[in-house]
Amino acid sequence: MSGRPRGVRAARIAVAAVLPAELALATCLVAGVRPPGWALMGAEALAGAVLLLEAWVLRSLYVAARARGADRRAARRAAVQEAVPVTVRRLLLHELRALASLGRWARRGTHGVRPGDLAAAYTGPQTAMMYGLLFVMVVETVGLAFLIPWPAVHRVILILDLYGVVLVLALHAACVTRPHVVRPNGSLRLRYGALFDLDVPPDAVASVRIDRRYPGGGLITLSEGGVLDLVVGGQTSVTLELSRPLPFTRPLGATEEAHTIRFHADDPRALVSALRQPA
């Protein structure tokens, strides 16, 4: 594109590489996998550098768009679309939704639950693990505050560490405030925090049963035969057989189809009963 500010391509490549890695790191933390301290510090420093580069490029694109006569809103939209890939925009949206969940959690509110709905929590297997992880991160942050002798480096690391603590807490808050939802008409909304959201209409439900499993793999895994595992704390407790293939969207935007869904609910008996007996 003619007149494109320097650094746009580098910023797109850098942010497209670093932010998915940040999501993978956050998923590891939620799953209870604690990377080495040097890996966390390196990832945090790299993410900070990339965000500074992205901010500089966004400002350059905004100024260029304004110089071409665009109003402020259009200039902001053009700058974001030019500098930030679609997958990264989705990740940032997930992160903002998770951070917004902290306020909802403090108010003990829930998202997307209406009167008459059954809200089915699913955070039981990960709650103790998350609080233990947060404790370790806070201890590490305090320890680094005494070990790092350079004030400038200390301040940067402190900010990044504190943001890491807030982000992990926000990911858990998003899971608490965004439960699975069974509607009175027999439809089901499956979620995992702000990362996954799938509506299952009543006519797509062939059968549902309590079925505790401990599958391997990541948070969202699609195996042969179209079996989708939505894993919490290394386990699932409900198996949902579908009467037809159902498309779902992964956190980065890829769309696939599931024929069977296995997921976790803290009270699987209540969820299964609600699905079998719609009003």
C-alpha atoms as a PDB file:
ATOM      1  CA  MET A   1       0.000   0.000   0.000  1.00  0.00           C
ATOM      2  CA  SER A   2       1.393   3.378  -1.004  1.00  0.00           C
ATOM      3  CA  GLY A   3       2.313   5.641   1.882  1.00  0.00           C
ATOM      4  CA  ARG A   4       2.213   2.834   4.456  1.00  0.00           C
ATOM      5  CA  PRO A   5       4.348   3.805   7.486  1.00  0.00           C
ATOM      6  CA  ARG A   6       7.522   1.819   8.022  1.00  0.00           C
ATOM      7  CA  GLY A   7       7.307  -1.036  10.483  1.00  0.00           C
ATOM      8  CA  VAL A   8       3.745  -2.151   9.677  1.00  0.00           C
ATOM      9  CA  ARG A   9       4.785  -5.523   8.295  1.00  0.00           C
ATOM     10  CA  ALA A  10       7.194  -6.134  11.176  1.00  0.00           C
ATOM     11  CA  ALA A  11       4.515  -5.177  13.702  1.00  0.00           C
ATOM     12  CA  ARG A  12       1.937  -7.491  12.117  1.00  0.00           C
ATOM     13  CA  ILE A  13       4.361 -10.425  12.126  1.00  0.00           C
ATOM     14  CA  ALA A  14       5.535  -9.762  15.680  1.00  0.00           C
ATOM     15  CA  VAL A  15       2.118  -9.331  17.212  1.00  0.00           C
ATOM     16  CA  ALA A  16       0.724 -12.307  15.270  1.00  0.00           C
ATOM     17  CA  ALA A  17       3.498 -14.455  16.750  1.00  0.00           C
ATOM     18  CA  VAL A  18       3.652 -13.138  20.303  1.00  0.00           C
ATOM     19  CA  LEU A  19      -0.010 -12.817  21.279  1.00  0.00           C
ATOM     20  CA  PRO A  20      -0.984 -16.392  20.322  1.00  0.00           C
ATOM     21  CA  ALA A  21       2.043 -17.478  22.353  1.00  0.00           C
ATOM     22  CA  GLU A  22       0.694 -15.385  25.226  1.00  0.00           C
ATOM     23  CA  LEU A  23      -2.664 -17.183  24.912  1.00  0.00           C
ATOM     24  CA  ALA A  24      -0.875 -20.545  24.957  1.00  0.00           C
ATOM     25  CA  LEU A  25       1.034 -19.460  28.070  1.00  0.00           C
ATOM     26  CA  ALA A  26      -2.189 -18.320  29.754  1.00  0.00           C
ATOM     27  CA  THR A  27      -3.833 -21.654  28.874  1.00  0.00           C
ATOM     28  CA  CYS A  28      -0.893 -23.491  30.457  1.00  0.00           C
ATOM     29  CA  LEU A  29      -1.300 -21.424  33.601  1.00  0.00           C
ATOM     30  CA  VAL A  30      -5.036 -22.162  33.741  1.00  0.00           C
ATOM     31  CA  ALA A  31      -4.245 -25.862  33.274  1.00  0.00           C
ATOM     32  CA  GLY A  32      -1.818 -25.738  36.207  1.00  0.00           C
ATOM     33  CA  VAL A  33       1.378 -26.062  34.135  1.00  0.00           C
ATOM     34  CA  ARG A  34       3.939 -23.708  35.672  1.00  0.00           C
ATOM     35  CA  PRO A  35       6.672 -22.722  33.158  1.00  0.00           C
ATOM     36  CA  PRO A  36      10.146 -21.847  34.482  1.00  0.00           C
ATOM     37  CA  GLY A  37      10.538 -18.329  35.878  1.00  0.00           C
ATOM     38  CA  TRP A  38      12.983 -17.323  33.135  1.00  0.00           C
ATOM     39  CA  ALA A  39      10.429 -18.362  30.489  1.00  0.00           C
ATOM     40  CA  LEU A  40       7.723 -16.215  32.075  1.00  0.00           C
ATOM     41  CA  MET A  41      10.039 -13.217  32.385  1.00  0.00           C
ATOM     42  CA  GLY A  42      11.253 -13.592  28.804  1.00  0.00           C
ATOM     43  CA  ALA A  43       7.709 -13.911  27.470  1.00  0.00           C
ATOM     44  CA  GLU A  44       6.564 -10.885  29.445  1.00  0.00           C
ATOM     45  CA  ALA A  45       9.481  -8.734  28.270  1.00  0.00           C
ATOM     46  CA  LEU A  46       8.988  -9.783  24.648  1.00  0.00           C
ATOM     47  CA  ALA A  47       5.252  -9.101  24.814  1.00  0.00           C
ATOM     48  CA  GLY A  48       5.931  -5.652  26.268  1.00  0.00           C
ATOM     49  CA  ALA A  49       8.386  -4.812  23.479  1.00  0.00           C
ATOM     50  CA  VAL A  50       5.943  -5.946  20.807  1.00  0.00           C
ATOM     51  CA  LEU A  51       3.119  -3.908  22.312  1.00  0.00           C
ATOM     52  CA  LEU A  52       5.342  -0.800  22.296  1.00  0.00           C
ATOM     53  CA  LEU A  53       6.134  -1.417  18.608  1.00  0.00           C
ATOM     54  CA  GLU A  54       2.448  -1.930  17.867  1.00  0.00           C
ATOM     55  CA  ALA A  55       1.529   1.315  19.652  1.00  0.00           C
ATOM     56  CA  TRP A  56       4.090   3.254  17.592  1.00  0.00           C
ATOM     57  CA  VAL A  57       2.811   1.743  14.318  1.00  0.00           C
ATOM     58  CA  LEU A  58      -0.845   2.359  15.234  1.00  0.00           C
ATOM     59  CA  ARG A  59      -0.078   5.997  15.966  1.00  0.00           C
ATOM     60  CA  SER A  60       1.721   6.353  12.616  1.00  0.00           C
ATOM     61  CA  LEU A  61      -1.210   4.797  10.740  1.00  0.00           C
ATOM     62  CA  TYR A  62      -3.696   6.972  12.621  1.00  0.00           C
ATOM     63  CA  VAL A  63      -1.769  10.145  11.749  1.00  0.00           C
ATOM     64  CA  ALA A  64      -1.551   9.068   8.094  1.00  0.00           C
ATOM     65  CA  ALA A  65      -5.296   8.373   7.927  1.00  0.00           C
ATOM     66  CA  ARG A  66      -6.087  11.738   9.507  1.00  0.00           C
ATOM     67  CA  ALA A  67      -3.808  13.430   6.970  1.00  0.00           C
ATOM     68  CA  ARG A  68      -5.894  11.835   4.186  1.00  0.00           C
ATOM     69  CA  GLY A  69      -9.028  13.449   5.623  1.00  0.00           C
ATOM     70  CA  ALA A  70     -10.537  10.611   7.669  1.00  0.00           C
ATOM     71  CA  ASP A  71     -12.365  11.514  10.883  1.00  0.00           C
ATOM     72  CA  ARG A  72     -11.035  10.233  14.212  1.00  0.00           C
ATOM     73  CA  ARG A  73     -13.245   7.154  14.431  1.00  0.00           C
ATOM     74  CA  ALA A  74     -12.565   6.068  10.855  1.00  0.00           C
ATOM     75  CA  ALA A  75      -8.850   6.723  11.325  1.00  0.00           C
ATOM     76  CA  ARG A  76      -8.742   4.554  14.444  1.00  0.00           C
ATOM     77  CA  ARG A  77     -10.610   1.731  12.705  1.00  0.00           C
ATOM     78  CA  ALA A  78      -8.354   1.908   9.640  1.00  0.00           C
ATOM     79  CA  ALA A  79      -5.213   1.878  11.780  1.00  0.00           C
ATOM     80  CA  VAL A  80      -6.318  -1.194  13.759  1.00  0.00           C
ATOM     81  CA  GLN A  81      -7.406  -3.112  10.644  1.00  0.00           C
ATOM     82  CA  GLU A  82      -4.123  -2.317   8.901  1.00  0.00           C
ATOM     83  CA  ALA A  83      -1.736  -3.102  11.758  1.00  0.00           C
ATOM     84  CA  VAL A  84      -3.475  -5.879  13.715  1.00  0.00           C
ATOM     85  CA  PRO A  85      -4.290  -9.295  12.151  1.00  0.00           C
ATOM     86  CA  VAL A  86      -7.795 -10.691  12.640  1.00  0.00           C
ATOM     87  CA  THR A  87      -6.620 -13.498  14.920  1.00  0.00           C
ATOM     88  CA  VAL A  88      -4.843 -11.026  17.160  1.00  0.00           C
ATOM     89  CA  ARG A  89      -7.918  -8.805  17.323  1.00  0.00           C
ATOM     90  CA  ARG A  90      -9.868 -11.847  18.535  1.00  0.00           C
ATOM     91  CA  LEU A  91      -7.268 -12.544  21.220  1.00  0.00           C
ATOM     92  CA  LEU A  92      -7.367  -8.955  22.419  1.00  0.00           C
ATOM     93  CA  LEU A  93     -11.167  -9.123  22.546  1.00  0.00           C
ATOM     94  CA  HIS A  94     -10.968 -12.318  24.629  1.00  0.00           C
ATOM     95  CA  GLU A  95      -8.519 -10.609  26.981  1.00  0.00           C
ATOM     96  CA  LEU A  96     -10.681  -7.493  27.370  1.00  0.00           C
ATOM     97  CA  ARG A  97     -13.739  -9.640  28.102  1.00  0.00           C
ATOM     98  CA  ALA A  98     -11.786 -11.559  30.716  1.00  0.00           C
ATOM     99  CA  LEU A  99     -10.634  -8.329  32.386  1.00  0.00           C
ATOM    100  CA  ALA A 100     -14.219  -7.012  32.353  1.00  0.00           C
ATOM    101  CA  SER A 101     -15.250 -10.200  34.161  1.00  0.00           C
ATOM    102  CA  LEU A 102     -13.316  -9.074  37.237  1.00  0.00           C
ATOM    103  CA  GLY A 103     -15.889  -6.339  37.897  1.00  0.00           C
ATOM    104  CA  ARG A 104     -18.778  -8.746  37.281  1.00  0.00           C
ATOM    105  CA  TRP A 105     -17.176 -11.267  39.625  1.00  0.00           C
ATOM    106  CA  ALA A 106     -16.813  -8.635  42.354  1.00  0.00           C
ATOM    107  CA  ARG A 107     -20.547  -7.895  42.009  1.00  0.00           C
ATOM    108  CA  ARG A 108     -21.293 -11.663  42.029  1.00  0.00           C
ATOM    109  CA  GLY A 109     -23.020 -11.289  38.685  1.00  0.00           C
ATOM    110  CA  THR A 110     -23.224 -13.669  35.744  1.00  0.00           C
ATOM    111  CA  HIS A 111     -23.172 -13.128  31.998  1.00  0.00           C
ATOM    112  CA  GLY A 112     -25.927 -14.413  29.727  1.00  0.00           C
ATOM    113  CA  VAL A 113     -28.084 -16.009  32.445  1.00  0.00           C
ATOM    114  CA  ARG A 114     -31.767 -15.034  32.324  1.00  0.00           C
ATOM    115  CA  PRO A 115     -34.608 -15.763  34.785  1.00  0.00           C
ATOM    116  CA  GLY A 116     -35.663 -19.409  34.440  1.00  0.00           C
ATOM    117  CA  ASP A 117     -32.258 -20.536  33.137  1.00  0.00           C
ATOM    118  CA  LEU A 118     -30.095 -23.110  34.873  1.00  0.00           C
ATOM    119  CA  ALA A 119     -26.545 -21.808  35.357  1.00  0.00           C
ATOM    120  CA  ALA A 120     -24.132 -24.753  35.507  1.00  0.00           C
ATOM    121  CA  ALA A 121     -20.734 -23.953  37.006  1.00  0.00           C
ATOM    122  CA  TYR A 122     -17.665 -25.816  35.740  1.00  0.00           C
ATOM    123  CA  THR A 123     -14.712 -24.283  37.618  1.00  0.00           C
ATOM    124  CA  GLY A 124     -14.518 -26.827  40.460  1.00  0.00           C
ATOM    125  CA  PRO A 125     -11.536 -28.849  39.157  1.00  0.00           C
ATOM    126  CA  GLN A 126      -9.424 -25.740  38.535  1.00  0.00           C
ATOM    127  CA  THR A 127     -10.275 -23.422  41.456  1.00  0.00           C
ATOM    128  CA  ALA A 128      -7.778 -24.668  44.056  1.00  0.00           C
ATOM    129  CA  MET A 129      -5.128 -25.020  41.369  1.00  0.00           C
ATOM    130  CA  MET A 130      -5.711 -21.435  40.201  1.00  0.00           C
ATOM    131  CA  TYR A 131      -5.432 -19.959  43.689  1.00  0.00           C
ATOM    132  CA  GLY A 132      -2.282 -21.982  44.336  1.00  0.00           C
ATOM    133  CA  LEU A 133      -0.821 -20.714  41.065  1.00  0.00           C
ATOM    134  CA  LEU A 134      -1.697 -17.126  41.936  1.00  0.00           C
ATOM    135  CA  PHE A 135      -0.010 -17.502  45.329  1.00  0.00           C
ATOM    136  CA  VAL A 136       3.175 -18.767  43.667  1.00  0.00           C
ATOM    137  CA  MET A 137       3.110 -15.882  41.176  1.00  0.00           C
ATOM    138  CA  VAL A 138       2.694 -13.307  43.938  1.00  0.00           C
ATOM    139  CA  VAL A 139       5.567 -14.845  45.930  1.00  0.00           C
ATOM    140  CA  GLU A 140       7.722 -14.800  42.805  1.00  0.00           C
ATOM    141  CA  THR A 141       6.841 -11.149  42.156  1.00  0.00           C
ATOM    142  CA  VAL A 142       7.796 -10.162  45.707  1.00  0.00           C
ATOM    143  CA  GLY A 143      11.004 -12.201  45.480  1.00  0.00           C
ATOM    144  CA  LEU A 144      12.070 -10.527  42.261  1.00  0.00           C
ATOM    145  CA  ALA A 145      11.433  -7.130  43.842  1.00  0.00           C
ATOM    146  CA  PHE A 146      14.291  -7.892  46.284  1.00  0.00           C
ATOM    147  CA  LEU A 147      16.581  -9.680  43.835  1.00  0.00           C
ATOM    148  CA  ILE A 148      16.661  -7.207  40.922  1.00  0.00           C
ATOM    149  CA  PRO A 149      19.042  -4.336  41.778  1.00  0.00           C
ATOM    150  CA  TRP A 150      18.328  -2.056  38.798  1.00  0.00           C
ATOM    151  CA  PRO A 151      15.367   0.296  39.471  1.00  0.00           C
ATOM    152  CA  ALA A 152      14.272   0.655  35.824  1.00  0.00           C
ATOM    153  CA  VAL A 153      14.334  -3.096  35.183  1.00  0.00           C
ATOM    154  CA  HIS A 154      12.649  -3.691  38.520  1.00  0.00           C
ATOM    155  CA  ARG A 155       9.747  -1.385  37.649  1.00  0.00           C
ATOM    156  CA  VAL A 156       9.212  -2.983  34.222  1.00  0.00           C
ATOM    157  CA  ILE A 157       9.309  -6.533  35.595  1.00  0.00           C
ATOM    158  CA  LEU A 158       7.019  -5.553  38.475  1.00  0.00           C
ATOM    159  CA  ILE A 159       4.402  -4.115  36.101  1.00  0.00           C
ATOM    160  CA  LEU A 160       4.567  -7.160  33.832  1.00  0.00           C
ATOM    161  CA  ASP A 161       4.363  -9.587  36.757  1.00  0.00           C
ATOM    162  CA  LEU A 162       1.415  -7.768  38.289  1.00  0.00           C
ATOM    163  CA  TYR A 163      -0.353  -7.784  34.934  1.00  0.00           C
ATOM    164  CA  GLY A 164       0.290 -11.522  34.687  1.00  0.00           C
ATOM    165  CA  VAL A 165      -1.322 -12.032  38.100  1.00  0.00           C
ATOM    166  CA  VAL A 166      -4.326  -9.907  37.092  1.00  0.00           C
ATOM    167  CA  LEU A 167      -4.677 -11.741  33.773  1.00  0.00           C
ATOM    168  CA  VAL A 168      -4.700 -15.206  35.370  1.00  0.00           C
ATOM    169  CA  LEU A 169      -7.246 -13.987  37.922  1.00  0.00           C
ATOM    170  CA  ALA A 170      -9.309 -12.498  35.079  1.00  0.00           C
ATOM    171  CA  LEU A 171      -9.274 -15.785  33.150  1.00  0.00           C
ATOM    172  CA  HIS A 172     -10.660 -17.564  36.198  1.00  0.00           C
ATOM    173  CA  ALA A 173     -13.199 -14.773  36.827  1.00  0.00           C
ATOM    174  CA  ALA A 174     -14.424 -15.145  33.242  1.00  0.00           C
ATOM    175  CA  CYS A 175     -15.027 -18.856  33.854  1.00  0.00           C
ATOM    176  CA  VAL A 176     -16.911 -18.158  37.094  1.00  0.00           C
ATOM    177  CA  THR A 177     -19.140 -15.441  35.603  1.00  0.00           C
ATOM    178  CA  ARG A 178     -19.766 -17.230  32.282  1.00  0.00           C
ATOM    179  CA  PRO A 179     -21.222 -20.624  33.292  1.00  0.00           C
ATOM    180  CA  HIS A 180     -22.884 -23.146  31.021  1.00  0.00           C
ATOM    181  CA  VAL A 181     -26.564 -22.255  30.606  1.00  0.00           C
ATOM    182  CA  VAL A 182     -29.551 -24.563  30.081  1.00  0.00           C
ATOM    183  CA  ARG A 183     -32.581 -22.661  28.734  1.00  0.00           C
ATOM    184  CA  PRO A 184     -36.179 -23.637  29.607  1.00  0.00           C
ATOM    185  CA  ASN A 185     -36.693 -24.732  25.978  1.00  0.00           C
ATOM    186  CA  GLY A 186     -33.917 -27.343  26.266  1.00  0.00           C
ATOM    187  CA  SER A 187     -31.169 -25.422  24.484  1.00  0.00           C
ATOM    188  CA  LEU A 188     -27.666 -25.398  25.936  1.00  0.00           C
ATOM    189  CA  ARG A 189     -24.986 -22.732  25.898  1.00  0.00           C
ATOM    190  CA  LEU A 190     -21.517 -24.206  26.453  1.00  0.00           C
ATOM    191  CA  ARG A 191     -18.705 -21.896  27.467  1.00  0.00           C
ATOM    192  CA  TYR A 192     -15.206 -21.688  28.810  1.00  0.00           C
ATOM    193  CA  GLY A 193     -14.665 -18.169  30.097  1.00  0.00           C
ATOM    194  CA  ALA A 194     -14.333 -15.691  27.255  1.00  0.00           C
ATOM    195  CA  LEU A 195     -12.460 -18.169  25.043  1.00  0.00           C
ATOM    196  CA  PHE A 196     -15.247 -20.513  23.956  1.00  0.00           C
ATOM    197  CA  ASP A 197     -18.986 -20.050  23.423  1.00  0.00           C
ATOM    198  CA  LEU A 198     -21.281 -22.521  21.632  1.00  0.00           C
ATOM    199  CA  ASP A 199     -25.077 -22.572  21.421  1.00  0.00           C
ATOM    200  CA  VAL A 200     -26.595 -26.053  21.095  1.00  0.00           C
ATOM    201  CA  PRO A 201     -30.255 -25.833  19.955  1.00  0.00           C
ATOM    202  CA  PRO A 202     -32.784 -28.343  21.356  1.00  0.00           C
ATOM    203  CA  ASP A 203     -33.212 -30.166  18.036  1.00  0.00           C
ATOM    204  CA  ALA A 204     -29.462 -30.862  17.899  1.00  0.00           C
ATOM    205  CA  VAL A 205     -29.483 -32.825  21.180  1.00  0.00           C
ATOM    206  CA  ALA A 206     -29.811 -36.563  20.531  1.00  0.00           C
ATOM    207  CA  SER A 207     -28.860 -37.777  24.015  1.00  0.00           C
ATOM    208  CA  VAL A 208     -27.005 -36.617  27.092  1.00  0.00           C
ATOM    209  CA  ARG A 209     -25.494 -38.601  29.951  1.00  0.00           C
ATOM    210  CA  ILE A 210     -23.141 -38.331  32.900  1.00  0.00           C
ATOM    211  CA  ASP A 211     -19.817 -39.697  31.723  1.00  0.00           C
ATOM    212  CA  ARG A 212     -16.680 -38.794  33.672  1.00  0.00           C
ATOM    213  CA  ARG A 213     -13.495 -38.950  31.613  1.00  0.00           C
ATOM    214  CA  TYR A 214      -9.910 -37.739  31.889  1.00  0.00           C
ATOM    215  CA  PRO A 215      -8.827 -36.996  28.318  1.00  0.00           C
ATOM    216  CA  GLY A 216      -5.371 -35.882  27.331  1.00  0.00           C
ATOM    217  CA  GLY A 217      -4.673 -32.864  25.177  1.00  0.00           C
ATOM    218  CA  GLY A 218      -5.461 -29.197  25.545  1.00  0.00           C
ATOM    219  CA  LEU A 219      -8.449 -27.163  26.593  1.00  0.00           C
ATOM    220  CA  ILE A 220     -10.330 -27.605  23.299  1.00  0.00           C
ATOM    221  CA  THR A 221      -9.567 -30.828  21.437  1.00  0.00           C
ATOM    222  CA  LEU A 222     -11.312 -32.294  18.386  1.00  0.00           C
ATOM    223  CA  SER A 223     -10.506 -35.968  17.851  1.00  0.00           C
ATOM    224  CA  GLU A 224     -11.388 -38.435  15.117  1.00  0.00           C
ATOM    225  CA  GLY A 225     -15.097 -38.930  14.599  1.00  0.00           C
ATOM    226  CA  GLY A 226     -15.854 -35.305  15.474  1.00  0.00           C
ATOM    227  CA  VAL A 227     -15.589 -35.720  19.260  1.00  0.00           C
ATOM    228  CA  LEU A 228     -15.053 -32.312  20.859  1.00  0.00           C
ATOM    229  CA  ASP A 229     -13.507 -32.330  24.352  1.00  0.00           C
ATOM    230  CA  LEU A 230     -13.912 -29.130  26.365  1.00  0.00           C
ATOM    231  CA  VAL A 231     -11.605 -29.979  29.245  1.00  0.00           C
ATOM    232  CA  VAL A 232     -11.496 -28.312  32.682  1.00  0.00           C
ATOM    233  CA  GLY A 233      -8.816 -29.398  35.120  1.00  0.00           C
ATOM    234  CA  GLY A 234      -8.009 -32.423  32.970  1.00  0.00           C
ATOM    235  CA  GLN A 235     -11.539 -33.861  33.045  1.00  0.00           C
ATOM    236  CA  THR A 236     -15.009 -33.920  31.516  1.00  0.00           C
ATOM    237  CA  SER A 237     -18.179 -35.196  33.197  1.00  0.00           C
ATOM    238  CA  VAL A 238     -20.972 -34.965  30.596  1.00  0.00           C
ATOM    239  CA  THR A 239     -21.226 -36.483  27.116  1.00  0.00           C
ATOM    240  CA  LEU A 240     -23.633 -34.856  24.662  1.00  0.00           C
ATOM    241  CA  GLU A 241     -24.494 -36.808  21.507  1.00  0.00           C
ATOM    242  CA  LEU A 242     -25.673 -34.576  18.655  1.00  0.00           C
ATOM    243  CA  SER A 243     -28.362 -35.411  16.131  1.00  0.00           C
ATOM    244  CA  ARG A 244     -26.489 -33.449  13.470  1.00  0.00           C
ATOM    245  CA  PRO A 245     -23.008 -31.957  13.073  1.00  0.00           C
ATOM    246  CA  LEU A 246     -22.679 -28.646  14.870  1.00  0.00           C
ATOM    247  CA  PRO A 247     -20.121 -25.994  13.848  1.00  0.00           C
ATOM    248  CA  PHE A 248     -18.055 -24.341  16.562  1.00  0.00           C
ATOM    249  CA  THR A 249     -15.445 -21.594  16.558  1.00  0.00           C
ATOM    250  CA  ARG A 250     -12.034 -21.939  18.157  1.00  0.00           C
ATOM    251  CA  PRO A 251     -10.529 -19.007  20.113  1.00  0.00           C
ATOM    252  CA  LEU A 252      -8.437 -17.886  17.124  1.00  0.00           C
ATOM    253  CA  GLY A 253     -11.399 -17.989  14.726  1.00  0.00           C
ATOM    254  CA  ALA A 254     -11.056 -21.361  12.963  1.00  0.00           C
ATOM    255  CA  THR A 255     -14.408 -23.126  12.441  1.00  0.00           C
ATOM    256  CA  GLU A 256     -14.850 -26.910  12.750  1.00  0.00           C
ATOM    257  CA  GLU A 257     -17.708 -29.366  13.264  1.00  0.00           C
ATOM    258  CA  ALA A 258     -18.504 -31.603  16.229  1.00  0.00           C
ATOM    259  CA  HIS A 259     -20.685 -34.734  16.272  1.00  0.00           C
ATOM    260  CA  THR A 260     -20.225 -35.401  20.007  1.00  0.00           C
ATOM    261  CA  ILE A 261     -19.329 -32.961  22.785  1.00  0.00           C
ATOM    262  CA  ARG A 262     -17.742 -33.928  26.084  1.00  0.00           C
ATOM    263  CA  PHE A 263     -17.532 -31.191  28.706  1.00  0.00           C
ATOM    264  CA  HIS A 264     -17.414 -30.650  32.462  1.00  0.00           C
ATOM    265  CA  ALA A 265     -20.097 -29.448  34.881  1.00  0.00           C
ATOM    266  CA  ASP A 266     -19.620 -29.289  38.647  1.00  0.00           C
ATOM    267  CA  ASP A 267     -23.130 -30.725  39.086  1.00  0.00           C
ATOM    268  CA  PRO A 268     -23.570 -32.939  36.016  1.00  0.00           C
ATOM    269  CA  ARG A 269     -26.729 -34.581  37.387  1.00  0.00           C
ATOM    270  CA  ALA A 270     -28.617 -31.249  37.526  1.00  0.00           C
ATOM    271  CA  LEU A 271     -27.484 -30.267  34.041  1.00  0.00           C
ATOM    272  CA  VAL A 272     -28.394 -33.631  32.500  1.00  0.00           C
ATOM    273  CA  SER A 273     -31.810 -33.602  34.198  1.00  0.00           C
ATOM    274  CA  ALA A 274     -32.529 -30.080  32.946  1.00  0.00           C
ATOM    275  CA  LEU A 275     -31.624 -31.057  29.378  1.00  0.00           C
ATOM    276  CA  ARG A 276     -33.788 -34.189  29.490  1.00  0.00           C
ATOM    277  CA  GLN A 277     -36.820 -32.385  30.885  1.00  0.00           C
ATOM    278  CA  PRO A 278     -37.270 -29.039  29.066  1.00  0.00           C
ATOM    279  CA  ALA A 279     -40.235 -26.912  30.116  1.00  0.00           C
END
